Amino acid sequence: MDEEIKKRLFQKGWSKEELEHASNVVNNPKDTHFHIKRNLHMTGYWFLMLGLIALNVVAVVFMIPLILLISLPWIYFVAIIAGLGCGLIFNWLILEIEHLEHEHHLAALLIVPLLTLLDVIIIYVILDDLKPKVTLSYNPDPVVFYFGLCFILPYFIWFALGQHKTKTIT
């Protein structure tokens, strides 16, 4: 803030603390409303998690016809690509939120395995319901395992490398 403006404001009765605060607000505009931005990021984080869980369930439901229609060895390739694709998208979206603290990454570290377990349960429940109607020429267990492993792999690698600690509130 310009010294002339500070003088005029001081003459009008502003205290030194008020002048210092006003000067900080004017000179550091990116720091204004930081707490609001941070809270919006946290709200966005949890809505993103809920959306990712819903989209992941949809992706798993779309995996069922692929498991039924594609034969070996191509189904392994499809399961690995689908799992890696979903896992990389999940990881990328979490990385795009700027103001995540360490505990939010720990929450995601808990959510990702639970989501993978949910995927496996959904696939097994649907396949179990379809067993009397459809016979598979192969065991779908390894396919489900590869999908789950590849889904969880990108986030665990990123977490193991310690990259979750590089993005914190500044």
Foldseek 3Di string as FASTA:
>chain_A
DDPVVVVVVVVVPDDPVRSVVVVCCVVPVVPPPPVVLLVVLVVVLVVVLVVLLVVLLVLLVVLLVVQQPDAPPVLLVVLLVSLLVSQVVSVVVVVPRQADDPVSLVVVLVSLLVSLVVSLVVNVVVVVVCVVPGDGPDDCVVSSVSNSCSNNPVSVVCVVVVVSHVRHDD
